[in-house]
Amino acid sequence: MESSGFNARPSKRDCIMGPYSEDTQFKRAEAIKRLLEQNPQLDPLYRGMWENKLRALAKNETEYNWRVRNLYEGMKRGPVIEY
């Protein structure tokens, strides 16, 4: 059974967005670059997708925080379940 990450045990990878970290952004960029370099046979559609992800990484904390705000400001909390 595949997990969406929301029902699995919490781990560092389950966080959608945490506080801005230049180191984390650098690691993300390096991982994407490595993926592209090590997979020259990658379908052009997927290569383009990963190249766009690489270009779209937040370059600074202000840009990152703006994205976090825009992502979460429209979300509503679900009902509270009391046992």
C-alpha atoms as a PDB file:
ATOM      1  CA  MET A   1       0.000   0.000   0.000  1.00  0.00           C
ATOM      2  CA  GLU A   2       1.368   3.382  -0.965  1.00  0.00           C
ATOM      3  CA  SER A   3       1.348   6.162   1.604  1.00  0.00           C
ATOM      4  CA  SER A   4       0.477   9.756   0.833  1.00  0.00           C
ATOM      5  CA  GLY A   5       2.692  10.815   3.729  1.00  0.00           C
ATOM      6  CA  PHE A   6      -0.209  12.299   5.671  1.00  0.00           C
ATOM      7  CA  ASN A   7      -1.183   9.090   7.465  1.00  0.00           C
ATOM      8  CA  ALA A   8       2.299   7.683   7.880  1.00  0.00           C
ATOM      9  CA  ARG A   9       4.447   8.196  10.935  1.00  0.00           C
ATOM     10  CA  PRO A  10       5.807  11.733  10.926  1.00  0.00           C
ATOM     11  CA  SER A  11       9.355  12.096   9.718  1.00  0.00           C
ATOM     12  CA  LYS A  12      11.549  14.863   8.384  1.00  0.00           C
ATOM     13  CA  ARG A  13      10.446  14.081   4.779  1.00  0.00           C
ATOM     14  CA  ASP A  14       6.744  14.406   5.657  1.00  0.00           C
ATOM     15  CA  CYS A  15       7.058  18.162   6.176  1.00  0.00           C
ATOM     16  CA  ILE A  16       5.690  19.987   3.167  1.00  0.00           C
ATOM     17  CA  MET A  17       7.403  23.267   3.922  1.00  0.00           C
ATOM     18  CA  GLY A  18       9.559  24.137   6.888  1.00  0.00           C
ATOM     19  CA  PRO A  19      11.524  27.253   7.742  1.00  0.00           C
ATOM     20  CA  TYR A  20      13.762  28.566   4.965  1.00  0.00           C
ATOM     21  CA  SER A  21      17.208  27.048   4.828  1.00  0.00           C
ATOM     22  CA  GLU A  22      19.800  28.058   2.272  1.00  0.00           C
ATOM     23  CA  ASP A  23      21.537  24.736   2.903  1.00  0.00           C
ATOM     24  CA  THR A  24      18.354  22.771   2.171  1.00  0.00           C
ATOM     25  CA  GLN A  25      17.728  24.716  -1.033  1.00  0.00           C
ATOM     26  CA  PHE A  26      21.316  24.057  -2.098  1.00  0.00           C
ATOM     27  CA  LYS A  27      20.890  20.326  -1.402  1.00  0.00           C
ATOM     28  CA  ARG A  28      17.665  20.283  -3.430  1.00  0.00           C
ATOM     29  CA  ALA A  29      19.389  22.003  -6.347  1.00  0.00           C
ATOM     30  CA  GLU A  30      22.348  19.596  -6.181  1.00  0.00           C
ATOM     31  CA  ALA A  31      20.011  16.584  -6.094  1.00  0.00           C
ATOM     32  CA  ILE A  32      18.135  17.777  -9.179  1.00  0.00           C
ATOM     33  CA  LYS A  33      21.377  18.554 -11.026  1.00  0.00           C
ATOM     34  CA  ARG A  34      22.693  15.092 -10.162  1.00  0.00           C
ATOM     35  CA  LEU A  35      19.471  13.481 -11.378  1.00  0.00           C
ATOM     36  CA  LEU A  36      19.748  15.310 -14.703  1.00  0.00           C
ATOM     37  CA  GLU A  37      23.449  14.538 -15.153  1.00  0.00           C
ATOM     38  CA  GLN A  38      23.148  10.851 -14.244  1.00  0.00           C
ATOM     39  CA  ASN A  39      20.135  10.205 -16.474  1.00  0.00           C
ATOM     40  CA  PRO A  40      20.886  11.415 -20.005  1.00  0.00           C
ATOM     41  CA  GLN A  41      18.230   9.021 -21.305  1.00  0.00           C
ATOM     42  CA  LEU A  42      15.508  10.818 -19.324  1.00  0.00           C
ATOM     43  CA  ASP A  43      12.413  11.492 -21.392  1.00  0.00           C
ATOM     44  CA  PRO A  44      12.427  15.137 -22.610  1.00  0.00           C
ATOM     45  CA  LEU A  45       9.090  15.755 -20.870  1.00  0.00           C
ATOM     46  CA  TYR A  46      10.501  14.723 -17.485  1.00  0.00           C
ATOM     47  CA  ARG A  47      13.829  16.436 -18.126  1.00  0.00           C
ATOM     48  CA  GLY A  48      11.953  19.673 -18.792  1.00  0.00           C
ATOM     49  CA  MET A  49       9.893  19.201 -15.639  1.00  0.00           C
ATOM     50  CA  TRP A  50      13.022  18.771 -13.477  1.00  0.00           C
ATOM     51  CA  GLU A  51      14.788  21.686 -15.178  1.00  0.00           C
ATOM     52  CA  ASN A  52      11.760  23.862 -14.360  1.00  0.00           C
ATOM     53  CA  LYS A  53      11.851  22.654 -10.734  1.00  0.00           C
ATOM     54  CA  LEU A  54      15.521  23.576 -10.568  1.00  0.00           C
ATOM     55  CA  ARG A  55      14.917  27.071 -11.952  1.00  0.00           C
ATOM     56  CA  ALA A  56      11.906  27.582  -9.667  1.00  0.00           C
ATOM     57  CA  LEU A  57      13.661  26.898  -6.363  1.00  0.00           C
ATOM     58  CA  ALA A  58      13.345  29.882  -4.037  1.00  0.00           C
ATOM     59  CA  LYS A  59      16.519  31.950  -4.164  1.00  0.00           C
ATOM     60  CA  ASN A  60      16.063  33.711  -0.811  1.00  0.00           C
ATOM     61  CA  GLU A  61      13.987  33.680   2.369  1.00  0.00           C
ATOM     62  CA  THR A  62      11.611  36.430   1.228  1.00  0.00           C
ATOM     63  CA  GLU A  63      10.637  34.526  -1.915  1.00  0.00           C
ATOM     64  CA  TYR A  64      10.289  31.287   0.056  1.00  0.00           C
ATOM     65  CA  ASN A  65       8.078  32.862   2.727  1.00  0.00           C
ATOM     66  CA  TRP A  66       5.895  34.471   0.051  1.00  0.00           C
ATOM     67  CA  ARG A  67       5.310  31.034  -1.480  1.00  0.00           C
ATOM     68  CA  VAL A  68       4.515  29.466   1.896  1.00  0.00           C
ATOM     69  CA  ARG A  69       1.995  32.209   2.647  1.00  0.00           C
ATOM     70  CA  ASN A  70       0.315  31.874  -0.751  1.00  0.00           C
ATOM     71  CA  LEU A  71       0.117  28.118  -0.395  1.00  0.00           C
ATOM     72  CA  TYR A  72      -1.416  28.069   3.080  1.00  0.00           C
ATOM     73  CA  GLU A  73      -3.509  31.240   3.309  1.00  0.00           C
ATOM     74  CA  GLY A  74      -6.484  29.750   1.453  1.00  0.00           C
ATOM     75  CA  MET A  75      -6.556  26.478   3.382  1.00  0.00           C
ATOM     76  CA  LYS A  76      -9.201  25.901   5.972  1.00  0.00           C
ATOM     77  CA  ARG A  77      -8.837  23.669   8.976  1.00  0.00           C
ATOM     78  CA  GLY A  78     -10.951  20.565   9.029  1.00  0.00           C
ATOM     79  CA  PRO A  79     -13.341  19.695  11.826  1.00  0.00           C
ATOM     80  CA  VAL A  80     -11.873  18.661  15.152  1.00  0.00           C
ATOM     81  CA  ILE A  81     -12.563  15.053  16.018  1.00  0.00           C
ATOM     82  CA  GLU A  82     -13.169  14.477  19.695  1.00  0.00           C
ATOM     83  CA  TYR A  83     -12.958  10.976  21.084  1.00  0.00           C
END
